[in-house]
Amino acid sequence: MNPKDDTLDALYEEPGAYAGSTRKSFVCSDDITLLIAVNDAKPWTASSGSLMKTWTDIASDLKANRRFKVAKDGQGCKTRFDKLTKAYKERTLAAMRRSGTDEEFGECEQPLEDILA
């Protein structure tokens, strides 16, 4: 797979690829929930020694959130957040629209704007 394709194509897998109450892949609603949690926790304000603990705490909070259906640890949440911010900065977030509605992407872009402002 081309590394550039990873930024776009690998961010979302086919809907319904995983059954059950949790999934391995993110969908747009999971991204929105993740971005809201990250914006609340503000891990970028954590000291370098506690950065991963902050991400672990974010992942724990997300596991308790019934709207978040992805089984990810702190590193997985951080990786997804990094991919979302990179796609937003490169203006490729719109290319991911195939996996969500216009309304969901509007909801996804607003927290990214707040975080990156």
N, C-alpha and C. Protein backbone atom coordinates (compact mmCIF):
# COMPACT_ATOMS: atom_id res chain seq x y z
N MET A 1 0.84 -1.18 0.00
CA MET A 1 0.00 0.00 0.00
C MET A 1 0.88 1.24 0.00
N ASN A 2 0.55 2.19 -0.80
CA ASN A 2 1.25 3.46 -0.88
C ASN A 2 1.10 4.19 0.45
N PRO A 3 2.19 4.75 1.02
CA PRO A 3 2.09 5.44 2.30
C PRO A 3 1.07 6.58 2.29
N LYS A 4 0.93 7.27 1.17
CA LYS A 4 -0.06 8.35 1.10
C LYS A 4 -1.47 7.80 1.18
N ASP A 5 -1.70 6.61 0.61
CA ASP A 5 -3.02 5.99 0.68
C ASP A 5 -3.38 5.64 2.11
N ASP A 6 -2.36 5.37 2.94
CA ASP A 6 -2.61 5.02 4.34
C ASP A 6 -3.34 6.15 5.05
N THR A 7 -2.95 7.40 4.75
CA THR A 7 -3.58 8.54 5.40
C THR A 7 -5.07 8.59 5.11
N LEU A 8 -5.46 8.24 3.90
CA LEU A 8 -6.87 8.33 3.53
C LEU A 8 -7.60 7.01 3.66
N ASP A 9 -7.13 6.02 2.96
CA ASP A 9 -7.86 4.76 2.87
C ASP A 9 -7.87 3.95 4.16
N ALA A 10 -6.77 3.95 4.88
CA ALA A 10 -6.69 3.12 6.07
C ALA A 10 -7.33 3.76 7.30
N LEU A 11 -7.73 5.03 7.20
CA LEU A 11 -8.37 5.65 8.34
C LEU A 11 -9.70 4.99 8.65
N TYR A 12 -10.38 4.55 7.61
CA TYR A 12 -11.66 3.87 7.80
C TYR A 12 -11.63 2.55 7.05
N GLU A 13 -12.20 1.54 7.66
CA GLU A 13 -12.38 0.27 6.97
C GLU A 13 -13.83 0.18 6.58
N GLU A 14 -14.15 -0.82 5.81
CA GLU A 14 -15.53 -1.00 5.35
C GLU A 14 -16.49 -1.06 6.53
N PRO A 15 -17.61 -0.33 6.45
CA PRO A 15 -18.60 -0.42 7.52
C PRO A 15 -19.08 -1.85 7.70
N GLY A 16 -19.24 -2.25 8.94
CA GLY A 16 -19.70 -3.60 9.22
C GLY A 16 -18.63 -4.66 9.12
N ALA A 17 -17.37 -4.25 8.97
CA ALA A 17 -16.30 -5.23 8.84
C ALA A 17 -16.12 -6.04 10.12
N TYR A 18 -16.49 -5.45 11.22
CA TYR A 18 -16.35 -6.14 12.50
C TYR A 18 -17.70 -6.14 13.20
N ALA A 19 -18.14 -7.28 13.64
CA ALA A 19 -19.42 -7.39 14.34
C ALA A 19 -19.20 -7.31 15.84
N GLY A 20 -20.26 -7.17 16.58
CA GLY A 20 -20.16 -7.15 18.02
C GLY A 20 -20.30 -5.75 18.57
N SER A 21 -20.13 -5.63 19.89
CA SER A 21 -20.33 -4.34 20.53
C SER A 21 -19.14 -3.42 20.35
N THR A 22 -17.96 -3.96 20.10
CA THR A 22 -16.80 -3.11 19.82
C THR A 22 -16.23 -3.49 18.47
N ARG A 23 -15.53 -2.52 17.88
CA ARG A 23 -14.90 -2.72 16.58
C ARG A 23 -13.40 -2.48 16.72
N LYS A 24 -12.67 -2.88 15.70
CA LYS A 24 -11.25 -2.58 15.65
C LYS A 24 -11.00 -1.29 14.89
N SER A 25 -11.92 -0.91 14.01
CA SER A 25 -11.72 0.27 13.18
C SER A 25 -12.64 1.40 13.61
N PHE A 26 -12.19 2.62 13.36
CA PHE A 26 -12.94 3.81 13.70
C PHE A 26 -13.96 4.13 12.62
N VAL A 27 -15.08 4.69 13.03
CA VAL A 27 -16.04 5.31 12.12
C VAL A 27 -16.13 6.77 12.54
N CYS A 28 -16.79 7.57 11.73
CA CYS A 28 -16.82 9.01 11.97
C CYS A 28 -17.34 9.36 13.37
N SER A 29 -18.37 8.67 13.84
CA SER A 29 -18.92 8.98 15.17
C SER A 29 -17.89 8.70 16.27
N ASP A 30 -17.04 7.70 16.08
CA ASP A 30 -15.97 7.42 17.05
C ASP A 30 -14.94 8.55 17.04
N ASP A 31 -14.64 9.06 15.84
CA ASP A 31 -13.70 10.17 15.73
C ASP A 31 -14.21 11.39 16.47
N ILE A 32 -15.50 11.68 16.32
CA ILE A 32 -16.09 12.83 17.00
C ILE A 32 -15.97 12.66 18.51
N THR A 33 -16.31 11.49 19.01
CA THR A 33 -16.22 11.22 20.45
C THR A 33 -14.77 11.33 20.93
N LEU A 34 -13.84 10.79 20.15
CA LEU A 34 -12.41 10.88 20.48
C LEU A 34 -11.97 12.34 20.53
N LEU A 35 -12.32 13.12 19.52
CA LEU A 35 -11.89 14.52 19.46
C LEU A 35 -12.46 15.33 20.62
N ILE A 36 -13.70 15.07 20.99
CA ILE A 36 -14.28 15.78 22.14
C ILE A 36 -13.53 15.42 23.42
N ALA A 37 -13.22 14.14 23.60
CA ALA A 37 -12.48 13.70 24.79
C ALA A 37 -11.08 14.30 24.82
N VAL A 38 -10.43 14.35 23.67
CA VAL A 38 -9.08 14.92 23.59
C VAL A 38 -9.13 16.41 23.89
N ASN A 39 -10.12 17.10 23.33
CA ASN A 39 -10.24 18.54 23.57
C ASN A 39 -10.50 18.83 25.04
N ASP A 40 -11.25 17.96 25.71
CA ASP A 40 -11.49 18.12 27.15
C ASP A 40 -10.24 17.85 27.97
N ALA A 41 -9.50 16.80 27.63
CA ALA A 41 -8.32 16.38 28.41
C ALA A 41 -7.08 17.21 28.09
N LYS A 42 -7.00 17.75 26.88
CA LYS A 42 -5.86 18.56 26.43
C LYS A 42 -4.51 17.90 26.74
N PRO A 43 -4.24 16.74 26.13
CA PRO A 43 -2.99 16.03 26.43
C PRO A 43 -1.74 16.82 26.06
N TRP A 44 -1.86 17.79 25.19
CA TRP A 44 -0.70 18.60 24.80
C TRP A 44 -0.22 19.48 25.96
N THR A 45 -1.02 19.61 27.02
CA THR A 45 -0.59 20.39 28.18
C THR A 45 0.11 19.51 29.23
N ALA A 46 0.10 18.20 29.03
CA ALA A 46 0.72 17.28 29.99
C ALA A 46 2.23 17.37 29.90
N SER A 47 2.88 17.15 31.03
CA SER A 47 4.34 17.11 31.02
C SER A 47 4.80 15.88 30.25
N SER A 48 6.03 15.93 29.77
CA SER A 48 6.52 14.83 28.93
C SER A 48 6.50 13.50 29.67
N GLY A 49 6.66 13.50 30.96
CA GLY A 49 6.64 12.27 31.74
C GLY A 49 5.25 11.69 31.95
N SER A 50 4.22 12.50 31.76
CA SER A 50 2.86 12.01 32.00
C SER A 50 2.00 12.00 30.74
N LEU A 51 2.61 12.21 29.59
CA LEU A 51 1.85 12.28 28.34
C LEU A 51 1.11 10.99 28.04
N MET A 52 1.77 9.85 28.13
CA MET A 52 1.10 8.59 27.80
C MET A 52 0.08 8.21 28.87
N LYS A 53 0.29 8.62 30.11
CA LYS A 53 -0.73 8.38 31.13
C LYS A 53 -1.99 9.17 30.79
N THR A 54 -1.83 10.37 30.27
CA THR A 54 -2.99 11.16 29.86
C THR A 54 -3.75 10.44 28.76
N TRP A 55 -3.03 9.88 27.78
CA TRP A 55 -3.69 9.14 26.70
C TRP A 55 -4.35 7.86 27.23
N THR A 56 -3.73 7.22 28.20
CA THR A 56 -4.33 6.03 28.82
C THR A 56 -5.63 6.41 29.53
N ASP A 57 -5.61 7.56 30.21
CA ASP A 57 -6.82 8.05 30.88
C ASP A 57 -7.92 8.37 29.87
N ILE A 58 -7.54 8.96 28.73
CA ILE A 58 -8.52 9.26 27.68
C ILE A 58 -9.14 7.95 27.19
N ALA A 59 -8.30 6.95 26.94
CA ALA A 59 -8.81 5.65 26.46
C ALA A 59 -9.74 5.01 27.49
N SER A 60 -9.41 5.11 28.76
CA SER A 60 -10.27 4.56 29.82
C SER A 60 -11.62 5.26 29.85
N ASP A 61 -11.60 6.57 29.73
CA ASP A 61 -12.85 7.33 29.69
C ASP A 61 -13.69 6.95 28.48
N LEU A 62 -13.03 6.76 27.34
CA LEU A 62 -13.75 6.39 26.12
C LEU A 62 -14.36 5.00 26.22
N LYS A 63 -13.66 4.08 26.87
CA LYS A 63 -14.20 2.72 27.04
C LYS A 63 -15.50 2.75 27.85
N ALA A 64 -15.61 3.71 28.76
CA ALA A 64 -16.81 3.84 29.58
C ALA A 64 -17.93 4.58 28.85
N ASN A 65 -17.62 5.18 27.70
CA ASN A 65 -18.60 5.94 26.93
C ASN A 65 -19.33 4.99 25.98
N ARG A 66 -20.63 4.86 26.12
CA ARG A 66 -21.40 3.91 25.29
C ARG A 66 -21.41 4.29 23.82
N ARG A 67 -21.10 5.54 23.50
CA ARG A 67 -21.08 5.97 22.09
C ARG A 67 -19.78 5.60 21.39
N PHE A 68 -18.76 5.29 22.15
CA PHE A 68 -17.45 4.96 21.58
C PHE A 68 -17.37 3.45 21.47
N LYS A 69 -17.32 2.93 20.27
CA LYS A 69 -17.43 1.48 20.07
C LYS A 69 -16.14 0.84 19.56
N VAL A 70 -15.00 1.52 19.73
CA VAL A 70 -13.73 0.98 19.25
C VAL A 70 -12.90 0.54 20.44
N ALA A 71 -12.36 -0.65 20.38
CA ALA A 71 -11.51 -1.17 21.45
C ALA A 71 -10.08 -0.71 21.21
N LYS A 72 -9.71 0.43 21.80
CA LYS A 72 -8.36 0.98 21.64
C LYS A 72 -7.78 1.36 22.99
N ASP A 73 -6.46 1.22 23.10
CA ASP A 73 -5.76 1.67 24.29
C ASP A 73 -5.30 3.12 24.07
N GLY A 74 -4.55 3.64 25.02
CA GLY A 74 -4.07 5.02 24.92
C GLY A 74 -3.24 5.27 23.68
N GLN A 75 -2.35 4.34 23.35
CA GLN A 75 -1.51 4.51 22.15
C GLN A 75 -2.37 4.50 20.89
N GLY A 76 -3.37 3.63 20.85
CA GLY A 76 -4.26 3.57 19.69
C GLY A 76 -5.05 4.86 19.51
N CYS A 77 -5.50 5.43 20.61
CA CYS A 77 -6.23 6.71 20.55
C CYS A 77 -5.31 7.83 20.09
N LYS A 78 -4.08 7.85 20.60
CA LYS A 78 -3.11 8.87 20.20
C LYS A 78 -2.79 8.74 18.72
N THR A 79 -2.59 7.52 18.25
CA THR A 79 -2.28 7.30 16.84
C THR A 79 -3.42 7.80 15.96
N ARG A 80 -4.65 7.49 16.33
CA ARG A 80 -5.80 7.95 15.55
C ARG A 80 -5.90 9.47 15.56
N PHE A 81 -5.70 10.07 16.72
CA PHE A 81 -5.73 11.52 16.83
C PHE A 81 -4.66 12.15 15.93
N ASP A 82 -3.46 11.59 15.95
CA ASP A 82 -2.38 12.10 15.10
C ASP A 82 -2.74 12.00 13.63
N LYS A 83 -3.37 10.89 13.21
CA LYS A 83 -3.79 10.73 11.81
C LYS A 83 -4.86 11.74 11.44
N LEU A 84 -5.80 11.98 12.34
CA LEU A 84 -6.86 12.95 12.06
C LEU A 84 -6.30 14.36 11.93
N THR A 85 -5.39 14.74 12.83
CA THR A 85 -4.83 16.09 12.75
C THR A 85 -3.98 16.25 11.50
N LYS A 86 -3.25 15.21 11.13
CA LYS A 86 -2.44 15.27 9.91
C LYS A 86 -3.35 15.42 8.68
N ALA A 87 -4.41 14.64 8.61
CA ALA A 87 -5.34 14.73 7.48
C ALA A 87 -5.99 16.10 7.43
N TYR A 88 -6.33 16.65 8.58
CA TYR A 88 -6.96 17.97 8.63
C TYR A 88 -5.98 19.04 8.14
N LYS A 89 -4.75 18.99 8.63
CA LYS A 89 -3.74 19.97 8.23
C LYS A 89 -3.43 19.89 6.74
N GLU A 90 -3.46 18.68 6.20
CA GLU A 90 -3.19 18.49 4.77
C GLU A 90 -4.44 18.68 3.91
N ARG A 91 -5.54 19.05 4.56
CA ARG A 91 -6.81 19.27 3.86
C ARG A 91 -7.31 18.02 3.14
N THR A 92 -6.99 16.85 3.69
CA THR A 92 -7.45 15.60 3.09
C THR A 92 -8.58 14.98 3.90
N LEU A 93 -9.03 15.66 4.94
CA LEU A 93 -10.12 15.14 5.76
C LEU A 93 -11.38 14.96 4.92
N ALA A 94 -11.61 15.86 3.98
CA ALA A 94 -12.81 15.76 3.13
C ALA A 94 -12.80 14.50 2.28
N ALA A 95 -11.64 13.98 1.97
CA ALA A 95 -11.55 12.76 1.16
C ALA A 95 -12.07 11.54 1.91
N MET A 96 -12.25 11.65 3.22
CA MET A 96 -12.75 10.54 4.02
C MET A 96 -14.27 10.52 4.09
N ARG A 97 -14.94 11.40 3.38
CA ARG A 97 -16.40 11.53 3.44
C ARG A 97 -17.14 10.25 3.10
N ARG A 98 -16.52 9.34 2.42
CA ARG A 98 -17.19 8.10 2.05
C ARG A 98 -17.62 7.29 3.27
N SER A 99 -17.07 7.61 4.44
CA SER A 99 -17.37 6.84 5.64
C SER A 99 -18.22 7.60 6.65
N GLY A 100 -18.81 8.71 6.24
CA GLY A 100 -19.64 9.46 7.17
C GLY A 100 -20.50 10.46 6.41
N THR A 101 -21.46 11.03 7.10
CA THR A 101 -22.34 12.02 6.48
C THR A 101 -21.70 13.39 6.53
N ASP A 102 -22.25 14.32 5.73
CA ASP A 102 -21.75 15.70 5.76
C ASP A 102 -21.86 16.29 7.17
N GLU A 103 -22.96 15.98 7.84
CA GLU A 103 -23.17 16.49 9.19
C GLU A 103 -22.11 15.95 10.14
N GLU A 104 -21.80 14.65 10.03
CA GLU A 104 -20.77 14.05 10.90
C GLU A 104 -19.41 14.69 10.65
N PHE A 105 -19.10 14.96 9.39
CA PHE A 105 -17.80 15.56 9.11
C PHE A 105 -17.73 17.00 9.58
N GLY A 106 -18.87 17.70 9.56
CA GLY A 106 -18.91 19.04 10.14
C GLY A 106 -18.64 18.97 11.63
N GLU A 107 -19.23 17.97 12.29
CA GLU A 107 -19.00 17.77 13.72
C GLU A 107 -17.57 17.36 14.00
N CYS A 108 -16.93 16.70 13.07
CA CYS A 108 -15.55 16.25 13.23
C CYS A 108 -14.58 17.41 13.01
N GLU A 109 -14.89 18.28 12.06
CA GLU A 109 -14.00 19.39 11.75
C GLU A 109 -13.98 20.44 12.85
N GLN A 110 -15.11 20.70 13.50
CA GLN A 110 -15.17 21.74 14.52
C GLN A 110 -14.21 21.48 15.68
N PRO A 111 -14.21 20.28 16.29
CA PRO A 111 -13.23 20.07 17.37
C PRO A 111 -11.79 20.13 16.87
N LEU A 112 -11.55 19.70 15.63
CA LEU A 112 -10.19 19.80 15.09
C LEU A 112 -9.77 21.26 14.96
N GLU A 113 -10.68 22.11 14.50
CA GLU A 113 -10.39 23.54 14.41
C GLU A 113 -10.09 24.10 15.80
N ASP A 114 -10.89 23.71 16.79
CA ASP A 114 -10.68 24.20 18.16
C ASP A 114 -9.33 23.74 18.70
N ILE A 115 -8.99 22.49 18.46
CA ILE A 115 -7.75 21.91 18.98
C ILE A 115 -6.53 22.53 18.31
N LEU A 116 -6.60 22.73 17.01
CA LEU A 116 -5.43 23.19 16.26
C LEU A 116 -5.32 24.70 16.18
N ALA A 117 -6.28 25.42 16.74
CA ALA A 117 -6.25 26.89 16.70
C ALA A 117 -5.22 27.44 17.65
